[in-house]
């Protein structure tokens, strides 16, 4: 799931980063990836909890409230890794950006015209001026007759810059920025076993995201704030929408990411409710088909859950580089 912007460099311009940092409302995670000729493993990882209120991800409000504390946490996890790098990938919560699927029955021939049309479409739904936004996009599902959907991500530029300043203060440059669910999807796609239409459910302390993936492209994306109380019903409604409106014949897989935030018995109960409501097995996310843990250790489901967004963003361009150049898009951001 890589994103395209008009200011981005070519996908061949620089090697993908080997270190990723994820910032959430409750923790900072860092992962270093070992790349041995296309065989990937987790060289090291680190997690630092955040005090309440240090960072509160939001679409249209300040996110970073204690820059010094967040900088210290980022510096701490980076210092715990076995590798060092000046340039890192940065993963932010889904709630820091707005994701839309924009449909064009006829796609403009010129890239500049397409970009202008995309910005015109998303400005109507953005709760802030599009002139103050970072807009990124990628091709999504192809439509009959030559049309196409585009997955468009919009974020307030000052919010993105606040996270970038933290990284700079911690001694690194956030050369690639993306959101969590996209990179949980990347982690699954990199494993090479996600054929057909499948559903990702990403649960965070303050939001949940549902995404339907078809042939490697997002065909449905919904992010909502709040608790998990009605999520099993919402998953069932998404399954019905997939069959009725997207022409799907049922999901091949349902993957739950972020379930570890629930903890203990609550996580198990939520998992059971999901399976009962959707009528099929719900899998916990697991990136190990694409990137092994160091020394082949057996990690907990909670650790796999915690590391998957950072691992996904490190794998996304590496997997893209295995394909012909026409199949890849340019770099940057939420």
Protein backbone atom coordinates (compact mmCIF):
# COMPACT_ATOMS: atom_id res chain seq x y z
CA UNK A 1 0.00 0.00 0.00
CA UNK A 2 2.28 2.79 -1.10
CA UNK A 3 1.02 6.29 -1.68
CA UNK A 4 1.61 8.82 -4.44
CA UNK A 5 1.99 12.59 -4.23
CA UNK A 6 3.06 15.12 -6.80
CA UNK A 7 6.13 16.05 -4.74
CA UNK A 8 7.36 12.51 -4.17
CA UNK A 9 10.51 11.06 -5.65
CA UNK A 10 10.51 8.04 -7.92
CA UNK A 11 10.19 4.62 -6.29
CA UNK A 12 13.72 3.91 -7.54
CA UNK A 13 15.20 7.12 -6.14
CA UNK A 14 16.28 5.79 -2.75
CA UNK A 15 16.37 2.45 -0.94
CA UNK A 16 13.51 1.81 1.46
CA UNK A 17 14.29 2.47 5.13
CA UNK A 18 15.43 -0.37 7.36
CA UNK A 19 13.99 1.10 10.58
CA UNK A 20 10.40 2.06 11.32
CA UNK A 21 8.80 3.90 14.23
CA UNK A 22 5.11 3.72 15.09
CA UNK A 23 3.47 6.28 17.38
CA UNK A 24 0.10 5.53 18.99
CA UNK A 25 -1.83 7.11 21.84
CA UNK A 26 -0.34 4.60 24.29
CA UNK A 27 3.12 3.63 23.06
CA UNK A 28 6.03 4.10 20.65
CA UNK A 29 7.34 1.05 18.78
CA UNK A 30 10.54 0.73 16.74
CA UNK A 31 11.57 -2.14 14.46
CA UNK A 32 14.81 -2.79 12.57
CA UNK A 33 14.52 -5.07 9.54
CA UNK A 34 17.29 -7.33 8.30
CA UNK A 35 17.23 -7.74 4.50
CA UNK A 36 19.36 -10.56 3.13
CA UNK A 37 18.74 -10.57 -0.59
CA UNK A 38 14.96 -10.52 -0.30
CA UNK A 39 14.78 -12.73 2.79
CA UNK A 40 13.58 -10.63 5.72
CA UNK A 41 13.83 -10.96 9.48
CA UNK A 42 13.32 -8.71 12.48
CA UNK A 43 16.80 -7.72 13.62
CA UNK A 44 15.54 -5.98 16.77
CA UNK A 45 12.56 -4.19 18.21
CA UNK A 46 11.72 -1.93 21.14
CA UNK A 47 8.56 -0.63 22.81
CA UNK A 48 8.14 2.40 25.08
CA UNK A 49 4.81 3.16 26.79
CA UNK A 50 3.45 6.70 26.64
CA UNK A 51 1.78 8.50 29.51
CA UNK A 52 -1.82 9.49 28.88
CA UNK A 53 -2.11 12.73 26.96
CA UNK A 54 1.38 12.83 25.44
CA UNK A 55 -0.08 12.16 21.99
CA UNK A 56 -3.79 12.05 21.17
CA UNK A 57 -4.30 11.21 17.49
CA UNK A 58 -7.06 13.24 15.86
CA UNK A 59 -7.96 14.37 12.36
CA UNK A 60 -8.59 18.05 13.02
CA UNK A 61 -6.90 18.90 16.32
CA UNK A 62 -3.38 19.02 17.72
CA UNK A 63 -1.92 15.53 18.16
CA UNK A 64 1.36 16.10 20.01
CA UNK A 65 0.81 17.69 23.42
CA UNK A 66 4.13 16.92 25.13
CA UNK A 67 6.81 17.13 22.48
CA UNK A 68 9.65 16.54 24.94
CA UNK A 69 8.11 13.34 26.33
CA UNK A 70 7.33 11.98 22.86
CA UNK A 71 10.83 12.85 21.64
CA UNK A 72 12.34 11.03 24.63
CA UNK A 73 10.24 7.95 23.87
CA UNK A 74 11.24 7.94 20.19
CA UNK A 75 14.88 8.44 21.09
CA UNK A 76 14.62 5.65 23.66
CA UNK A 77 13.23 3.00 21.29
CA UNK A 78 15.70 3.93 18.57
CA UNK A 79 18.56 3.68 21.04
CA UNK A 80 17.46 0.16 21.99
CA UNK A 81 17.71 -1.18 18.44
CA UNK A 82 20.70 -3.14 17.17
CA UNK A 83 20.93 -0.91 14.07
CA UNK A 84 21.19 2.83 13.42
CA UNK A 85 19.88 4.90 10.52
CA UNK A 86 19.31 8.57 9.84
CA UNK A 87 16.20 7.99 7.71
CA UNK A 88 13.23 6.05 9.13
CA UNK A 89 9.66 5.19 8.21
CA UNK A 90 7.00 6.64 10.51
CA UNK A 91 3.60 5.01 11.11
CA UNK A 92 0.74 7.08 12.56
CA UNK A 93 -2.71 6.06 13.80
CA UNK A 94 -5.50 5.88 11.23
CA UNK A 95 -7.36 8.61 13.13
CA UNK A 96 -4.69 11.17 12.20
CA UNK A 97 -5.82 11.07 8.55
CA UNK A 98 -8.97 10.78 6.46
CA UNK A 99 -9.11 7.99 3.89
CA UNK A 100 -11.56 8.06 0.98
CA UNK A 101 -12.22 5.95 -2.08
CA UNK A 102 -12.77 8.24 -5.06
CA UNK A 103 -14.30 6.83 -8.25
CA UNK A 104 -13.80 8.13 -11.78
CA UNK A 105 -15.65 6.50 -14.66
CA UNK A 106 -13.15 8.16 -16.99
CA UNK A 107 -9.55 8.76 -15.90
CA UNK A 108 -7.79 11.89 -17.23
CA UNK A 109 -4.89 11.13 -19.53
CA UNK A 110 -2.56 13.63 -17.84
CA UNK A 111 -1.25 12.99 -14.33
CA UNK A 112 -1.55 16.68 -13.43
CA UNK A 113 -5.23 16.71 -14.42
CA UNK A 114 -5.86 13.56 -12.37
CA UNK A 115 -4.22 15.09 -9.30
CA UNK A 116 -6.31 18.24 -9.60
CA UNK A 117 -9.47 16.17 -9.97
CA UNK A 118 -8.62 14.07 -6.91
CA UNK A 119 -7.99 17.16 -4.81
CA UNK A 120 -11.26 18.68 -5.99
CA UNK A 121 -13.19 15.55 -4.99
CA UNK A 122 -11.70 15.14 -1.51
CA UNK A 123 -11.86 18.82 -0.58
CA UNK A 124 -15.64 18.47 -0.16
CA UNK A 125 -15.24 15.86 2.57
CA UNK A 126 -12.18 17.24 4.39
CA UNK A 127 -12.96 19.14 7.63
CA UNK A 128 -10.14 21.60 6.89
CA UNK A 129 -8.86 23.57 3.91
CA UNK A 130 -7.37 21.33 1.25
CA UNK A 131 -4.66 23.99 0.81
CA UNK A 132 -3.52 23.14 4.36
CA UNK A 133 -3.46 19.40 3.72
CA UNK A 134 -1.07 16.70 2.65
CA UNK A 135 -2.90 14.71 -0.05
CA UNK A 136 -1.65 11.29 -1.14
CA UNK A 137 -3.22 8.70 -3.39
CA UNK A 138 -2.79 5.39 -5.11
CA UNK A 139 -4.66 3.40 -7.72
CA UNK A 140 -7.28 1.07 -6.29
CA UNK A 141 -9.81 -1.24 -7.95
CA UNK A 142 -10.17 -1.00 -11.76
CA UNK A 143 -13.72 -0.41 -13.03
CA UNK A 144 -15.37 -1.78 -16.17
CA UNK A 145 -14.96 0.48 -19.19
CA UNK A 146 -11.59 1.91 -18.20
CA UNK A 147 -12.59 3.71 -15.00
CA UNK A 148 -10.83 3.35 -11.67
CA UNK A 149 -11.15 3.97 -7.98
CA UNK A 150 -8.39 5.78 -6.11
CA UNK A 151 -7.51 5.42 -2.45
CA UNK A 152 -6.90 8.96 -1.20
CA UNK A 153 -5.42 9.94 2.16
CA UNK A 154 -5.71 13.48 3.49
CA UNK A 155 -4.07 14.85 6.64
CA UNK A 156 -3.50 18.31 8.03
CA UNK A 157 0.01 19.35 7.10
CA UNK A 158 0.72 20.92 10.51
CA UNK A 159 -0.20 17.65 12.26
CA UNK A 160 2.19 15.67 10.06
CA UNK A 161 4.89 18.29 10.68
CA UNK A 162 4.45 17.99 14.45
CA UNK A 163 5.37 14.30 14.26
CA UNK A 164 8.23 15.07 11.88
CA UNK A 165 9.65 17.61 14.37
CA UNK A 166 9.66 14.94 17.08
CA UNK A 167 11.63 12.61 14.84
CA UNK A 168 14.13 15.35 13.98
CA UNK A 169 14.56 16.15 17.68
CA UNK A 170 15.20 12.44 18.27
CA UNK A 171 17.95 12.49 15.63
CA UNK A 172 16.22 10.92 12.63
CA UNK A 173 14.37 12.03 9.52
CA UNK A 174 10.90 10.62 8.79
CA UNK A 175 11.45 10.05 5.08
CA UNK A 176 8.30 7.97 4.66
CA UNK A 177 5.06 8.43 6.60
CA UNK A 178 1.97 6.24 6.46
CA UNK A 179 -0.93 5.04 8.62
CA UNK A 180 -1.33 1.84 10.62
CA UNK A 181 -4.05 -0.07 8.75
CA UNK A 182 -2.36 0.37 5.37
CA UNK A 183 0.73 -1.29 6.76
CA UNK A 184 -1.08 -4.08 8.53
CA UNK A 185 -2.44 -4.80 5.05
CA UNK A 186 1.10 -4.57 3.67
CA UNK A 187 2.31 -7.09 6.25
CA UNK A 188 -0.38 -9.56 5.13
CA UNK A 189 0.19 -8.98 1.41
CA UNK A 190 3.94 -9.46 1.81
CA UNK A 191 3.24 -12.97 3.10
CA UNK A 192 1.78 -13.85 -0.30
CA UNK A 193 -1.25 -15.81 0.92
CA UNK A 194 -4.04 -13.21 0.76
CA UNK A 195 -5.89 -14.11 -2.44
CA UNK A 196 -9.51 -13.22 -3.11
CA UNK A 197 -11.46 -10.64 -1.09
CA UNK A 198 -10.48 -10.47 2.56
CA UNK A 199 -11.27 -8.25 5.53
CA UNK A 200 -8.90 -6.50 7.93
CA UNK A 201 -10.28 -5.30 11.25
CA UNK A 202 -7.85 -3.02 13.10
CA UNK A 203 -8.79 -2.26 16.70
CA UNK A 204 -7.02 0.57 18.58
CA UNK A 205 -7.72 2.05 22.02
CA UNK A 206 -9.52 5.02 20.48
CA UNK A 207 -10.74 3.83 17.05
CA UNK A 208 -11.43 0.87 14.78
CA UNK A 209 -10.89 0.44 11.05
CA UNK A 210 -12.46 -2.04 8.63
CA UNK A 211 -10.86 -2.53 5.22
CA UNK A 212 -11.84 -4.92 2.43
CA UNK A 213 -8.91 -5.85 0.18
CA UNK A 214 -9.48 -7.13 -3.36
CA UNK A 215 -6.56 -8.28 -5.50
CA UNK A 216 -4.14 -6.28 -3.38
CA UNK A 217 -6.19 -3.06 -3.52
CA UNK A 218 -8.50 -1.57 -0.91
CA UNK A 219 -12.11 -1.81 -2.10
CA UNK A 220 -13.73 -0.57 1.13
CA UNK A 221 -12.34 1.47 4.03
CA UNK A 222 -14.13 2.72 7.13
CA UNK A 223 -12.60 4.29 10.23
CA UNK A 224 -14.68 5.12 13.27
CA UNK A 225 -13.90 6.43 16.73
CA UNK A 226 -15.13 4.95 19.98
CA UNK A 227 -15.27 1.59 21.73
CA UNK A 228 -15.72 -1.94 20.45
CA UNK A 229 -19.28 -2.54 21.69
CA UNK A 230 -21.02 -2.69 18.31
CA UNK A 231 -18.04 -3.81 16.22
CA UNK A 232 -19.24 -7.41 15.72
CA UNK A 233 -22.47 -6.01 14.24
CA UNK A 234 -20.49 -3.54 12.13
CA UNK A 235 -18.34 -6.38 10.78
CA UNK A 236 -21.51 -8.28 9.86
CA UNK A 237 -22.89 -5.18 8.10
CA UNK A 238 -19.61 -4.83 6.19
CA UNK A 239 -19.86 -8.45 5.08
CA UNK A 240 -23.40 -7.80 3.80
CA UNK A 241 -22.26 -4.63 2.01
CA UNK A 242 -19.41 -6.60 0.45
CA UNK A 243 -21.87 -9.13 -0.99
CA UNK A 244 -24.65 -6.70 -1.97
CA UNK A 245 -22.73 -3.65 -3.20
CA UNK A 246 -19.23 -4.88 -4.03
CA UNK A 247 -20.28 -8.11 -5.74
CA UNK A 248 -18.31 -10.26 -3.33
CA UNK A 249 -18.98 -13.92 -2.72
CA UNK A 250 -17.81 -13.92 0.88
CA UNK A 251 -14.43 -13.28 2.44
CA UNK A 252 -11.56 -15.71 2.00
CA UNK A 253 -10.01 -14.47 5.27
CA UNK A 254 -10.88 -12.21 8.18
CA UNK A 255 -7.82 -10.86 9.99
CA UNK A 256 -7.93 -9.10 13.34
CA UNK A 257 -5.14 -6.63 14.12
CA UNK A 258 -4.79 -4.67 17.33
CA UNK A 259 -6.81 -7.16 19.36
CA UNK A 260 -4.07 -7.23 22.00
CA UNK A 261 -5.14 -3.78 23.23
CA UNK A 262 -8.23 -5.42 24.71
CA UNK A 263 -6.28 -7.80 26.90
CA UNK A 264 -7.06 -11.16 28.47
CA UNK A 265 -10.60 -12.43 28.66
CA UNK A 266 -12.06 -9.36 26.95
CA UNK A 267 -9.94 -10.08 23.85
CA UNK A 268 -11.06 -13.74 23.81
CA UNK A 269 -14.72 -12.77 24.24
CA UNK A 270 -14.50 -10.19 21.45
CA UNK A 271 -12.86 -12.77 19.17
CA UNK A 272 -15.67 -15.25 19.82
CA UNK A 273 -18.35 -12.63 19.16
CA UNK A 274 -16.72 -11.74 15.85
CA UNK A 275 -16.61 -15.35 14.70
CA UNK A 276 -20.23 -15.92 15.71
CA UNK A 277 -21.41 -12.77 13.94
CA UNK A 278 -19.52 -13.32 10.70
CA UNK A 279 -19.74 -17.11 10.64
CA UNK A 280 -16.10 -17.88 9.91
CA UNK A 281 -12.70 -18.10 11.54
CA UNK A 282 -11.06 -14.81 12.53
CA UNK A 283 -7.24 -14.93 12.35
CA UNK A 284 -4.86 -12.82 14.44
CA UNK A 285 -2.43 -10.86 12.29
CA UNK A 286 0.93 -12.57 11.76
CA UNK A 287 3.71 -11.12 9.61
CA UNK A 288 6.04 -14.12 9.95
CA UNK A 289 5.30 -15.56 6.48
CA UNK A 290 7.09 -12.43 5.19
CA UNK A 291 9.58 -11.60 7.97
CA UNK A 292 10.85 -14.07 10.56
CA UNK A 293 11.60 -13.17 14.14
CA UNK A 294 15.28 -13.12 15.08
CA UNK A 295 16.72 -16.53 16.02
CA UNK A 296 13.35 -18.04 15.07
CA UNK A 297 11.92 -17.27 18.51
CA UNK A 298 8.24 -17.96 19.10
CA UNK A 299 6.67 -14.56 19.78
CA UNK A 300 3.41 -13.96 21.60
CA UNK A 301 0.33 -12.97 19.64
CA UNK A 302 0.51 -9.63 21.46
CA UNK A 303 4.02 -8.96 20.16
CA UNK A 304 3.08 -9.88 16.57
CA UNK A 305 0.12 -7.55 16.88
CA UNK A 306 2.23 -4.74 18.26
CA UNK A 307 4.97 -4.93 15.63
CA UNK A 308 2.86 -5.53 12.51
CA UNK A 309 2.34 -1.87 11.36
CA UNK A 310 6.06 -1.09 11.62
CA UNK A 311 7.00 -4.35 9.88
CA UNK A 312 4.42 -3.68 7.15
CA UNK A 313 5.79 -0.25 6.29
CA UNK A 314 9.32 -1.68 6.06
CA UNK A 315 8.14 -4.44 3.71
CA UNK A 316 5.87 -2.36 1.46
CA UNK A 317 8.44 -0.94 -0.95
CA UNK A 318 10.68 -3.99 -0.77
CA UNK A 319 7.82 -6.15 -2.02
CA UNK A 320 6.95 -3.53 -4.66
CA UNK A 321 10.51 -3.66 -5.99
CA UNK A 322 10.10 -7.33 -6.85
CA UNK A 323 7.45 -6.32 -9.40
CA UNK A 324 7.95 -4.55 -12.75
CA UNK A 325 8.31 -0.75 -12.34
CA UNK A 326 4.85 -0.15 -13.81
CA UNK A 327 3.30 -1.99 -10.87
CA UNK A 328 4.84 0.27 -8.25
CA UNK A 329 3.87 3.78 -7.25
CA UNK A 330 5.88 6.57 -5.70
CA UNK A 331 6.76 7.04 -2.06
CA UNK A 332 5.25 9.32 0.58
CA UNK A 333 2.70 9.69 2.77
CA UNK A 334 -0.44 9.92 4.81
